[in-house]
Amino acid sequence: MRVIARRTLTRFVESLRGQKGQRAVKAALDAWFHEVQRAPWRNSAEVKESCATASIVSADRVVFHIKGNDYRLVAAIDYGCQIMFIKWIGTHRDYERVDAKRVKYGD
């Protein structure tokens, strides 16, 4: 699976500079990224099978729980092309204010 764009993850981690858990968030996102890169998912059922805590929002939208659900990452997946687009990442609290089905990168 190709992830677009890793820079989104890097920027998010940089935005946490000086906060107590920044290193842990970076480690969790790095582990998530490497797991997703190796994933040959063909549908949402396969995502759920390998990431039990992921929430399937629609046929192409998935919410991943990062660092013990402290953070959430919304992604759109094109299974045929094997591409995942990161749409949003933030705290669990901030997630309550977005619509995972419609959120766009930069929202």
PDB file of N, CA and C in Angstrom:
ATOM      1  N   MET A   1       0.857  -1.172   0.000  1.00  0.00           N
ATOM      2  CA  MET A   1       0.000   0.000   0.000  1.00  0.00           C
ATOM      3  C   MET A   1       0.905   1.237   0.000  1.00  0.00           C
ATOM      4  N   ARG A   2       0.610   2.144  -0.902  1.00  0.00           N
ATOM      5  CA  ARG A   2       1.346   3.411  -0.955  1.00  0.00           C
ATOM      6  C   ARG A   2       0.575   4.443  -0.136  1.00  0.00           C
ATOM      7  N   VAL A   3       1.260   5.137   0.757  1.00  0.00           N
ATOM      8  CA  VAL A   3       0.610   6.114   1.627  1.00  0.00           C
ATOM      9  C   VAL A   3       0.917   7.518   1.128  1.00  0.00           C
ATOM     10  N   ILE A   4      -0.136   8.295   0.886  1.00  0.00           N
ATOM     11  CA  ILE A   4      -0.024   9.693   0.454  1.00  0.00           C
ATOM     12  C   ILE A   4      -0.560  10.542   1.601  1.00  0.00           C
ATOM     13  N   ALA A   5       0.064  11.362   2.222  1.00  0.00           N
ATOM     14  CA  ALA A   5       1.452  11.739   2.124  1.00  0.00           C
ATOM     15  C   ALA A   5       2.064  11.588   3.508  1.00  0.00           C
ATOM     16  N   ARG A   6       3.214  10.971   3.523  1.00  0.00           N
ATOM     17  CA  ARG A   6       3.898  10.771   4.808  1.00  0.00           C
ATOM     18  C   ARG A   6       4.224  12.106   5.465  1.00  0.00           C
ATOM     19  N   ARG A   7       4.403  13.116   4.647  1.00  0.00           N
ATOM     20  CA  ARG A   7       4.715  14.458   5.165  1.00  0.00           C
ATOM     21  C   ARG A   7       3.628  14.936   6.141  1.00  0.00           C
ATOM     22  N   THR A   8       2.396  14.519   5.937  1.00  0.00           N
ATOM     23  CA  THR A   8       1.307  14.874   6.845  1.00  0.00           C
ATOM     24  C   THR A   8       1.605  14.364   8.251  1.00  0.00           C
ATOM     25  N   LEU A   9       2.128  13.147   8.337  1.00  0.00           N
ATOM     26  CA  LEU A   9       2.467  12.565   9.636  1.00  0.00           C
ATOM     27  C   LEU A   9       3.630  13.318  10.275  1.00  0.00           C
ATOM     28  N   THR A  10       4.624  13.636   9.451  1.00  0.00           N
ATOM     29  CA  THR A  10       5.793  14.360   9.942  1.00  0.00           C
ATOM     30  C   THR A  10       5.398  15.724  10.494  1.00  0.00           C
ATOM     31  N   ARG A  11       4.553  16.430   9.753  1.00  0.00           N
ATOM     32  CA  ARG A  11       4.093  17.754  10.210  1.00  0.00           C
ATOM     33  C   ARG A  11       3.312  17.652  11.506  1.00  0.00           C
ATOM     34  N   PHE A  12       2.488  16.621  11.614  1.00  0.00           N
ATOM     35  CA  PHE A  12       1.704  16.456  12.836  1.00  0.00           C
ATOM     36  C   PHE A  12       2.625  16.245  14.035  1.00  0.00           C
ATOM     37  N   VAL A  13       3.607  15.385  13.871  1.00  0.00           N
ATOM     38  CA  VAL A  13       4.556  15.134  14.965  1.00  0.00           C
ATOM     39  C   VAL A  13       5.304  16.412  15.306  1.00  0.00           C
ATOM     40  N   GLU A  14       5.705  17.169  14.298  1.00  0.00           N
ATOM     41  CA  GLU A  14       6.402  18.438  14.543  1.00  0.00           C
ATOM     42  C   GLU A  14       5.516  19.422  15.295  1.00  0.00           C
ATOM     43  N   SER A  15       4.211  19.375  15.046  1.00  0.00           N
ATOM     44  CA  SER A  15       3.288  20.285  15.737  1.00  0.00           C
ATOM     45  C   SER A  15       3.197  19.980  17.230  1.00  0.00           C
ATOM     46  N   LEU A  16       3.634  18.806  17.612  1.00  0.00           N
ATOM     47  CA  LEU A  16       3.602  18.393  19.023  1.00  0.00           C
ATOM     48  C   LEU A  16       4.909  18.692  19.754  1.00  0.00           C
ATOM     49  N   ARG A  17       5.838  19.349  19.067  1.00  0.00           N
ATOM     50  CA  ARG A  17       7.155  19.638  19.656  1.00  0.00           C
ATOM     51  C   ARG A  17       6.999  20.285  21.026  1.00  0.00           C
ATOM     52  N   GLY A  18       7.756  19.767  21.971  1.00  0.00           N
ATOM     53  CA  GLY A  18       7.731  20.290  23.329  1.00  0.00           C
ATOM     54  C   GLY A  18       6.695  19.624  24.219  1.00  0.00           C
ATOM     55  N   GLN A  19       5.805  18.854  23.630  1.00  0.00           N
ATOM     56  CA  GLN A  19       4.798  18.159  24.436  1.00  0.00           C
ATOM     57  C   GLN A  19       5.358  16.836  24.938  1.00  0.00           C
ATOM     58  N   LYS A  20       4.874  16.424  26.065  1.00  0.00           N
ATOM     59  CA  LYS A  20       5.389  15.247  26.758  1.00  0.00           C
ATOM     60  C   LYS A  20       5.384  13.980  25.902  1.00  0.00           C
ATOM     61  N   GLY A  21       4.348  13.733  25.163  1.00  0.00           N
ATOM     62  CA  GLY A  21       4.218  12.469  24.439  1.00  0.00           C
ATOM     63  C   GLY A  21       4.670  12.481  22.993  1.00  0.00           C
ATOM     64  N   GLN A  22       5.383  13.507  22.563  1.00  0.00           N
ATOM     65  CA  GLN A  22       5.751  13.616  21.146  1.00  0.00           C
ATOM     66  C   GLN A  22       6.515  12.385  20.641  1.00  0.00           C
ATOM     67  N   ARG A  23       7.476  11.922  21.387  1.00  0.00           N
ATOM     68  CA  ARG A  23       8.266  10.759  20.949  1.00  0.00           C
ATOM     69  C   ARG A  23       7.396   9.516  20.809  1.00  0.00           C
ATOM     70  N   ALA A  24       6.483   9.339  21.733  1.00  0.00           N
ATOM     71  CA  ALA A  24       5.605   8.169  21.680  1.00  0.00           C
ATOM     72  C   ALA A  24       4.677   8.246  20.464  1.00  0.00           C
ATOM     73  N   VAL A  25       4.191   9.437  20.162  1.00  0.00           N
ATOM     74  CA  VAL A  25       3.332   9.613  18.986  1.00  0.00           C
ATOM     75  C   VAL A  25       4.129   9.326  17.722  1.00  0.00           C
ATOM     76  N   LYS A  26       5.347   9.838  17.658  1.00  0.00           N
ATOM     77  CA  LYS A  26       6.202   9.593  16.487  1.00  0.00           C
ATOM     78  C   LYS A  26       6.433   8.093  16.304  1.00  0.00           C
ATOM     79  N   ALA A  27       6.752   7.410  17.382  1.00  0.00           N
ATOM     80  CA  ALA A  27       6.995   5.962  17.314  1.00  0.00           C
ATOM     81  C   ALA A  27       5.739   5.216  16.856  1.00  0.00           C
ATOM     82  N   ALA A  28       4.589   5.609  17.382  1.00  0.00           N
ATOM     83  CA  ALA A  28       3.331   4.957  17.007  1.00  0.00           C
ATOM     84  C   ALA A  28       3.005   5.196  15.536  1.00  0.00           C
ATOM     85  N   LEU A  29       3.209   6.426  15.059  1.00  0.00           N
ATOM     86  CA  LEU A  29       2.928   6.732  13.650  1.00  0.00           C
ATOM     87  C   LEU A  29       3.924   6.050  12.712  1.00  0.00           C
ATOM     88  N   ASP A  30       5.176   5.978  13.120  1.00  0.00           N
ATOM     89  CA  ASP A  30       6.173   5.271  12.311  1.00  0.00           C
ATOM     90  C   ASP A  30       5.805   3.790  12.191  1.00  0.00           C
ATOM     91  N   ALA A  31       5.417   3.183  13.302  1.00  0.00           N
ATOM     92  CA  ALA A  31       5.023   1.772  13.282  1.00  0.00           C
ATOM     93  C   ALA A  31       3.785   1.573  12.406  1.00  0.00           C
ATOM     94  N   TRP A  32       2.808   2.464  12.542  1.00  0.00           N
ATOM     95  CA  TRP A  32       1.594   2.388  11.719  1.00  0.00           C
ATOM     96  C   TRP A  32       1.954   2.506  10.236  1.00  0.00           C
ATOM     97  N   PHE A  33       2.786   3.487   9.890  1.00  0.00           N
ATOM     98  CA  PHE A  33       3.171   3.717   8.504  1.00  0.00           C
ATOM     99  C   PHE A  33       3.827   2.475   7.894  1.00  0.00           C
ATOM    100  N   HIS A  34       4.764   1.896   8.608  1.00  0.00           N
ATOM    101  CA  HIS A  34       5.470   0.728   8.085  1.00  0.00           C
ATOM    102  C   HIS A  34       4.541  -0.482   7.960  1.00  0.00           C
ATOM    103  N   GLU A  35       3.606  -0.619   8.874  1.00  0.00           N
ATOM    104  CA  GLU A  35       2.631  -1.712   8.788  1.00  0.00           C
ATOM    105  C   GLU A  35       1.737  -1.534   7.556  1.00  0.00           C
ATOM    106  N   VAL A  36       1.275  -0.322   7.343  1.00  0.00           N
ATOM    107  CA  VAL A  36       0.390  -0.044   6.205  1.00  0.00           C
ATOM    108  C   VAL A  36       1.134  -0.228   4.885  1.00  0.00           C
ATOM    109  N   GLN A  37       2.378   0.182   4.827  1.00  0.00           N
ATOM    110  CA  GLN A  37       3.161   0.016   3.591  1.00  0.00           C
ATOM    111  C   GLN A  37       3.252  -1.447   3.166  1.00  0.00           C
ATOM    112  N   ARG A  38       3.309  -2.337   4.115  1.00  0.00           N
ATOM    113  CA  ARG A  38       3.426  -3.767   3.815  1.00  0.00           C
ATOM    114  C   ARG A  38       2.076  -4.437   3.588  1.00  0.00           C
ATOM    115  N   ALA A  39       1.001  -3.745   3.875  1.00  0.00           N
ATOM    116  CA  ALA A  39      -0.330  -4.347   3.823  1.00  0.00           C
ATOM    117  C   ALA A  39      -0.831  -4.501   2.378  1.00  0.00           C
ATOM    118  N   PRO A  40      -1.259  -5.695   2.023  1.00  0.00           N
ATOM    119  CA  PRO A  40      -1.818  -5.924   0.687  1.00  0.00           C
ATOM    120  C   PRO A  40      -3.352  -5.908   0.691  1.00  0.00           C
ATOM    121  N   TRP A  41      -3.936  -5.004   1.459  1.00  0.00           N
ATOM    122  CA  TRP A  41      -5.387  -4.998   1.626  1.00  0.00           C
ATOM    123  C   TRP A  41      -6.114  -4.836   0.298  1.00  0.00           C
ATOM    124  N   ARG A  42      -7.145  -5.650   0.096  1.00  0.00           N
ATOM    125  CA  ARG A  42      -7.975  -5.561  -1.112  1.00  0.00           C
ATOM    126  C   ARG A  42      -9.375  -5.045  -0.814  1.00  0.00           C
ATOM    127  N   ASN A  43      -9.701  -4.941   0.485  1.00  0.00           N
ATOM    128  CA  ASN A  43     -11.022  -4.440   0.881  1.00  0.00           C
ATOM    129  C   ASN A  43     -11.006  -4.103   2.368  1.00  0.00           C
ATOM    130  N   SER A  44     -12.097  -3.504   2.823  1.00  0.00           N
ATOM    131  CA  SER A  44     -12.159  -3.069   4.223  1.00  0.00           C
ATOM    132  C   SER A  44     -12.163  -4.236   5.205  1.00  0.00           C
ATOM    133  N   ALA A  45     -12.671  -5.377   4.787  1.00  0.00           N
ATOM    134  CA  ALA A  45     -12.664  -6.547   5.670  1.00  0.00           C
ATOM    135  C   ALA A  45     -11.232  -6.972   5.997  1.00  0.00           C
ATOM    136  N   GLU A  46     -10.343  -6.865   5.011  1.00  0.00           N
ATOM    137  CA  GLU A  46      -8.945  -7.215   5.246  1.00  0.00           C
ATOM    138  C   GLU A  46      -8.256  -6.196   6.152  1.00  0.00           C
ATOM    139  N   VAL A  47      -8.671  -4.932   6.040  1.00  0.00           N
ATOM    140  CA  VAL A  47      -8.135  -3.910   6.954  1.00  0.00           C
ATOM    141  C   VAL A  47      -8.531  -4.281   8.377  1.00  0.00           C
ATOM    142  N   LYS A  48      -9.790  -4.565   8.572  1.00  0.00           N
ATOM    143  CA  LYS A  48     -10.315  -4.889   9.900  1.00  0.00           C
ATOM    144  C   LYS A  48      -9.668  -6.160  10.461  1.00  0.00           C
ATOM    145  N   GLU A  49      -9.382  -7.097   9.580  1.00  0.00           N
ATOM    146  CA  GLU A  49      -8.753  -8.350   9.996  1.00  0.00           C
ATOM    147  C   GLU A  49      -7.351  -8.114  10.559  1.00  0.00           C
ATOM    148  N   SER A  50      -6.595  -7.209   9.937  1.00  0.00           N
ATOM    149  CA  SER A  50      -5.233  -6.985  10.414  1.00  0.00           C
ATOM    150  C   SER A  50      -5.128  -5.844  11.428  1.00  0.00           C
ATOM    151  N   CYS A  51      -6.090  -4.944  11.437  1.00  0.00           N
ATOM    152  CA  CYS A  51      -6.120  -3.829  12.403  1.00  0.00           C
ATOM    153  C   CYS A  51      -7.464  -3.865  13.113  1.00  0.00           C
ATOM    154  N   ALA A  52      -7.558  -4.686  14.109  1.00  0.00           N
ATOM    155  CA  ALA A  52      -8.837  -4.915  14.788  1.00  0.00           C
ATOM    156  C   ALA A  52      -9.462  -3.646  15.364  1.00  0.00           C
ATOM    157  N   THR A  53      -8.638  -2.665  15.746  1.00  0.00           N
ATOM    158  CA  THR A  53      -9.192  -1.451  16.348  1.00  0.00           C
ATOM    159  C   THR A  53      -9.595  -0.408  15.308  1.00  0.00           C
ATOM    160  N   ALA A  54      -9.296  -0.658  14.040  1.00  0.00           N
ATOM    161  CA  ALA A  54      -9.692   0.293  12.992  1.00  0.00           C
ATOM    162  C   ALA A  54     -11.211   0.324  12.891  1.00  0.00           C
ATOM    163  N   SER A  55     -11.732   1.494  12.551  1.00  0.00           N
ATOM    164  CA  SER A  55     -13.179   1.648  12.352  1.00  0.00           C
ATOM    165  C   SER A  55     -13.443   1.873  10.873  1.00  0.00           C
ATOM    166  N   ILE A  56     -14.256   1.036  10.295  1.00  0.00           N
ATOM    167  CA  ILE A  56     -14.625   1.178   8.891  1.00  0.00           C
ATOM    168  C   ILE A  56     -15.792   2.155   8.830  1.00  0.00           C
ATOM    169  N   VAL A  57     -15.590   3.276   8.173  1.00  0.00           N
ATOM    170  CA  VAL A  57     -16.588   4.338   8.112  1.00  0.00           C
ATOM    171  C   VAL A  57     -17.451   4.209   6.851  1.00  0.00           C
ATOM    172  N   SER A  58     -16.815   3.837   5.750  1.00  0.00           N
ATOM    173  CA  SER A  58     -17.515   3.619   4.487  1.00  0.00           C
ATOM    174  C   SER A  58     -16.671   2.677   3.646  1.00  0.00           C
ATOM    175  N   ALA A  59     -17.086   2.448   2.412  1.00  0.00           N
ATOM    176  CA  ALA A  59     -16.354   1.513   1.552  1.00  0.00           C
ATOM    177  C   ALA A  59     -14.903   1.909   1.362  1.00  0.00           C
ATOM    178  N   ASP A  60     -14.620   3.212   1.415  1.00  0.00           N
ATOM    179  CA  ASP A  60     -13.234   3.644   1.201  1.00  0.00           C
ATOM    180  C   ASP A  60     -12.631   4.436   2.360  1.00  0.00           C
ATOM    181  N   ARG A  61     -13.382   4.662   3.421  1.00  0.00           N
ATOM    182  CA  ARG A  61     -12.870   5.447   4.559  1.00  0.00           C
ATOM    183  C   ARG A  61     -12.669   4.565   5.778  1.00  0.00           C
ATOM    184  N   VAL A  62     -11.493   4.754   6.402  1.00  0.00           N
ATOM    185  CA  VAL A  62     -11.144   3.995   7.601  1.00  0.00           C
ATOM    186  C   VAL A  62     -10.562   4.961   8.622  1.00  0.00           C
ATOM    187  N   VAL A  63     -10.901   4.745   9.880  1.00  0.00           N
ATOM    188  CA  VAL A  63     -10.318   5.509  10.971  1.00  0.00           C
ATOM    189  C   VAL A  63      -9.409   4.563  11.750  1.00  0.00           C
ATOM    190  N   PHE A  64      -8.140   4.955  11.852  1.00  0.00           N
ATOM    191  CA  PHE A  64      -7.162   4.171  12.596  1.00  0.00           C
ATOM    192  C   PHE A  64      -6.939   4.819  13.954  1.00  0.00           C
ATOM    193  N   HIS A  65      -6.862   3.991  14.965  1.00  0.00           N
ATOM    194  CA  HIS A  65      -6.623   4.450  16.323  1.00  0.00           C
ATOM    195  C   HIS A  65      -5.112   4.376  16.547  1.00  0.00           C
ATOM    196  N   ILE A  66      -4.533   5.508  16.891  1.00  0.00           N
ATOM    197  CA  ILE A  66      -3.085   5.625  17.037  1.00  0.00           C
ATOM    198  C   ILE A  66      -2.733   5.855  18.502  1.00  0.00           C
ATOM    199  N   LYS A  67      -1.681   5.198  18.934  1.00  0.00           N
ATOM    200  CA  LYS A  67      -1.176   5.334  20.313  1.00  0.00           C
ATOM    201  C   LYS A  67      -2.284   5.103  21.342  1.00  0.00           C
ATOM    202  N   GLY A  68      -2.826   3.900  21.294  1.00  0.00           N
ATOM    203  CA  GLY A  68      -3.831   3.521  22.283  1.00  0.00           C
ATOM    204  C   GLY A  68      -5.094   4.343  22.208  1.00  0.00           C
ATOM    205  N   ASN A  69      -5.443   4.815  21.007  1.00  0.00           N
ATOM    206  CA  ASN A  69      -6.643   5.606  20.759  1.00  0.00           C
ATOM    207  C   ASN A  69      -6.538   7.036  21.283  1.00  0.00           C
ATOM    208  N   ASP A  70      -5.334   7.487  21.639  1.00  0.00           N
ATOM    209  CA  ASP A  70      -5.151   8.886  22.013  1.00  0.00           C
ATOM    210  C   ASP A  70      -5.314   9.783  20.787  1.00  0.00           C
ATOM    211  N   TYR A  71      -4.983   9.225  19.628  1.00  0.00           N
ATOM    212  CA  TYR A  71      -5.058   9.958  18.359  1.00  0.00           C
ATOM    213  C   TYR A  71      -5.830   9.130  17.353  1.00  0.00           C
ATOM    214  N   ARG A  72      -6.392   9.825  16.385  1.00  0.00           N
ATOM    215  CA  ARG A  72      -7.117   9.138  15.312  1.00  0.00           C
ATOM    216  C   ARG A  72      -6.625   9.651  13.971  1.00  0.00           C
ATOM    217  N   LEU A  73      -6.598   8.746  13.023  1.00  0.00           N
ATOM    218  CA  LEU A  73      -6.154   9.065  11.673  1.00  0.00           C
ATOM    219  C   LEU A  73      -7.237   8.601  10.709  1.00  0.00           C
ATOM    220  N   VAL A  74      -7.735   9.525   9.894  1.00  0.00           N
ATOM    221  CA  VAL A  74      -8.764   9.204   8.905  1.00  0.00           C
ATOM    222  C   VAL A  74      -8.074   9.063   7.556  1.00  0.00           C
ATOM    223  N   ALA A  75      -8.350   7.963   6.876  1.00  0.00           N
ATOM    224  CA  ALA A  75      -7.739   7.711   5.581  1.00  0.00           C
ATOM    225  C   ALA A  75      -8.784   7.254   4.577  1.00  0.00           C
ATOM    226  N   ALA A  76      -8.546   7.612   3.323  1.00  0.00           N
ATOM    227  CA  ALA A  76      -9.337   7.099   2.206  1.00  0.00           C
ATOM    228  C   ALA A  76      -8.445   6.101   1.481  1.00  0.00           C
ATOM    229  N   ILE A  77      -9.005   4.955   1.136  1.00  0.00           N
ATOM    230  CA  ILE A  77      -8.206   3.912   0.507  1.00  0.00           C
ATOM    231  C   ILE A  77      -8.791   3.555  -0.853  1.00  0.00           C
ATOM    232  N   ASP A  78      -7.913   3.556  -1.847  1.00  0.00           N
ATOM    233  CA  ASP A  78      -8.258   3.043  -3.178  1.00  0.00           C
ATOM    234  C   ASP A  78      -7.632   1.652  -3.238  1.00  0.00           C
ATOM    235  N   TYR A  79      -8.433   0.640  -2.963  1.00  0.00           N
ATOM    236  CA  TYR A  79      -7.915  -0.719  -2.865  1.00  0.00           C
ATOM    237  C   TYR A  79      -7.376  -1.222  -4.198  1.00  0.00           C
ATOM    238  N   GLY A  80      -8.013  -0.868  -5.304  1.00  0.00           N
ATOM    239  CA  GLY A  80      -7.574  -1.314  -6.618  1.00  0.00           C
ATOM    240  C   GLY A  80      -6.198  -0.797  -6.979  1.00  0.00           C
ATOM    241  N   CYS A  81      -5.932   0.464  -6.648  1.00  0.00           N
ATOM    242  CA  CYS A  81      -4.624   1.083  -6.946  1.00  0.00           C
ATOM    243  C   CYS A  81      -3.622   0.900  -5.819  1.00  0.00           C
ATOM    244  N   GLN A  82      -4.081   0.365  -4.667  1.00  0.00           N
ATOM    245  CA  GLN A  82      -3.223   0.173  -3.500  1.00  0.00           C
ATOM    246  C   GLN A  82      -2.636   1.494  -3.000  1.00  0.00           C
ATOM    247  N   ILE A  83      -3.520   2.510  -2.912  1.00  0.00           N
ATOM    248  CA  ILE A  83      -3.105   3.825  -2.426  1.00  0.00           C
ATOM    249  C   ILE A  83      -3.988   4.240  -1.258  1.00  0.00           C
ATOM    250  N   MET A  84      -3.343   4.755  -0.212  1.00  0.00           N
ATOM    251  CA  MET A  84      -4.061   5.296   0.940  1.00  0.00           C
ATOM    252  C   MET A  84      -3.758   6.787   1.019  1.00  0.00           C
ATOM    253  N   PHE A  85      -4.821   7.580   1.139  1.00  0.00           N
ATOM    254  CA  PHE A  85      -4.691   9.023   1.258  1.00  0.00           C
ATOM    255  C   PHE A  85      -5.015   9.429   2.690  1.00  0.00           C
ATOM    256  N   ILE A  86      -4.065  10.034   3.382  1.00  0.00           N
ATOM    257  CA  ILE A  86      -4.314  10.516   4.736  1.00  0.00           C
ATOM    258  C   ILE A  86      -5.167  11.771   4.617  1.00  0.00           C
ATOM    259  N   LYS A  87      -6.335  11.744   5.223  1.00  0.00           N
ATOM    260  CA  LYS A  87      -7.266  12.869   5.153  1.00  0.00           C
ATOM    261  C   LYS A  87      -7.212  13.759   6.380  1.00  0.00           C
ATOM    262  N   TRP A  88      -6.947  13.158   7.537  1.00  0.00           N
ATOM    263  CA  TRP A  88      -6.972  13.932   8.783  1.00  0.00           C
ATOM    264  C   TRP A  88      -6.274  13.140   9.868  1.00  0.00           C
ATOM    265  N   ILE A  89      -5.596  13.861  10.772  1.00  0.00           N
ATOM    266  CA  ILE A  89      -5.031  13.249  11.971  1.00  0.00           C
ATOM    267  C   ILE A  89      -5.141  14.256  13.104  1.00  0.00           C
ATOM    268  N   GLY A  90      -5.489  13.762  14.271  1.00  0.00           N
ATOM    269  CA  GLY A  90      -5.614  14.632  15.428  1.00  0.00           C
ATOM    270  C   GLY A  90      -5.913  13.836  16.683  1.00  0.00           C
ATOM    271  N   THR A  91      -6.159  14.564  17.744  1.00  0.00           N
ATOM    272  CA  THR A  91      -6.458  13.911  19.019  1.00  0.00           C
ATOM    273  C   THR A  91      -7.844  13.280  18.966  1.00  0.00           C
ATOM    274  N   HIS A  92      -8.048  12.371  19.883  1.00  0.00           N
ATOM    275  CA  HIS A  92      -9.357  11.740  20.005  1.00  0.00           C
ATOM    276  C   HIS A  92     -10.430  12.800  20.247  1.00  0.00           C
ATOM    277  N   ARG A  93     -10.109  13.773  21.063  1.00  0.00           N
ATOM    278  CA  ARG A  93     -11.054  14.860  21.376  1.00  0.00           C
ATOM    279  C   ARG A  93     -11.391  15.673  20.114  1.00  0.00           C
ATOM    280  N   ASP A  94     -10.365  16.026  19.322  1.00  0.00           N
ATOM    281  CA  ASP A  94     -10.587  16.791  18.091  1.00  0.00           C
ATOM    282  C   ASP A  94     -11.380  15.993  17.064  1.00  0.00           C
ATOM    283  N   TYR A  95     -11.221  14.689  17.090  1.00  0.00           N
ATOM    284  CA  TYR A  95     -11.941  13.815  16.156  1.00  0.00           C
ATOM    285  C   TYR A  95     -13.453  13.962  16.313  1.00  0.00           C
ATOM    286  N   GLU A  96     -13.899  14.232  17.527  1.00  0.00           N
ATOM    287  CA  GLU A  96     -15.331  14.386  17.784  1.00  0.00           C
ATOM    288  C   GLU A  96     -15.932  15.557  16.995  1.00  0.00           C
ATOM    289  N   ARG A  97     -15.080  16.481  16.514  1.00  0.00           N
ATOM    290  CA  ARG A  97     -15.564  17.666  15.801  1.00  0.00           C
ATOM    291  C   ARG A  97     -15.472  17.538  14.281  1.00  0.00           C
ATOM    292  N   VAL A  98     -15.044  16.387  13.767  1.00  0.00           N
ATOM    293  CA  VAL A  98     -14.957  16.219  12.316  1.00  0.00           C
ATOM    294  C   VAL A  98     -15.906  15.123  11.856  1.00  0.00           C
ATOM    295  N   ASP A  99     -16.251  15.173  10.596  1.00  0.00           N
ATOM    296  CA  ASP A  99     -17.061  14.132   9.980  1.00  0.00           C
ATOM    297  C   ASP A  99     -16.107  13.243   9.190  1.00  0.00           C
ATOM    298  N   ALA A 100     -15.847  12.063   9.687  1.00  0.00           N
ATOM    299  CA  ALA A 100     -14.860  11.165   9.072  1.00  0.00           C
ATOM    300  C   ALA A 100     -15.226  10.793   7.639  1.00  0.00           C
ATOM    301  N   LYS A 101     -16.488  10.833   7.298  1.00  0.00           N
ATOM    302  CA  LYS A 101     -16.901  10.503   5.925  1.00  0.00           C
ATOM    303  C   LYS A 101     -16.595  11.617   4.935  1.00  0.00           C
ATOM    304  N   ARG A 102     -16.472  12.836   5.442  1.00  0.00           N
ATOM    305  CA  ARG A 102     -16.319  13.978   4.534  1.00  0.00           C
ATOM    306  C   ARG A 102     -15.052  14.805   4.739  1.00  0.00           C
ATOM    307  N   VAL A 103     -14.360  14.612   5.833  1.00  0.00           N
ATOM    308  CA  VAL A 103     -13.186  15.432   6.122  1.00  0.00           C
ATOM    309  C   VAL A 103     -12.176  15.319   4.987  1.00  0.00           C
ATOM    310  N   LYS A 104     -11.566  16.457   4.665  1.00  0.00           N
ATOM    311  CA  LYS A 104     -10.582  16.514   3.590  1.00  0.00           C
ATOM    312  C   LYS A 104      -9.249  16.931   4.164  1.00  0.00           C
ATOM    313  N   TYR A 105      -8.192  16.590   3.456  1.00  0.00           N
ATOM    314  CA  TYR A 105      -6.861  16.997   3.881  1.00  0.00           C
ATOM    315  C   TYR A 105      -6.844  18.512   4.052  1.00  0.00           C
ATOM    316  N   GLY A 106      -6.316  18.953   5.171  1.00  0.00           N
ATOM    317  CA  GLY A 106      -6.233  20.390   5.430  1.00  0.00           C
ATOM    318  C   GLY A 106      -7.387  20.922   6.258  1.00  0.00           C
ATOM    319  N   ASP A 107      -8.422  20.115   6.501  1.00  0.00           N
ATOM    320  CA  ASP A 107      -9.546  20.557   7.328  1.00  0.00           C
ATOM    321  C   ASP A 107      -9.160  20.591   8.780  1.00  0.00           C
TER     322      ASP A 107
END
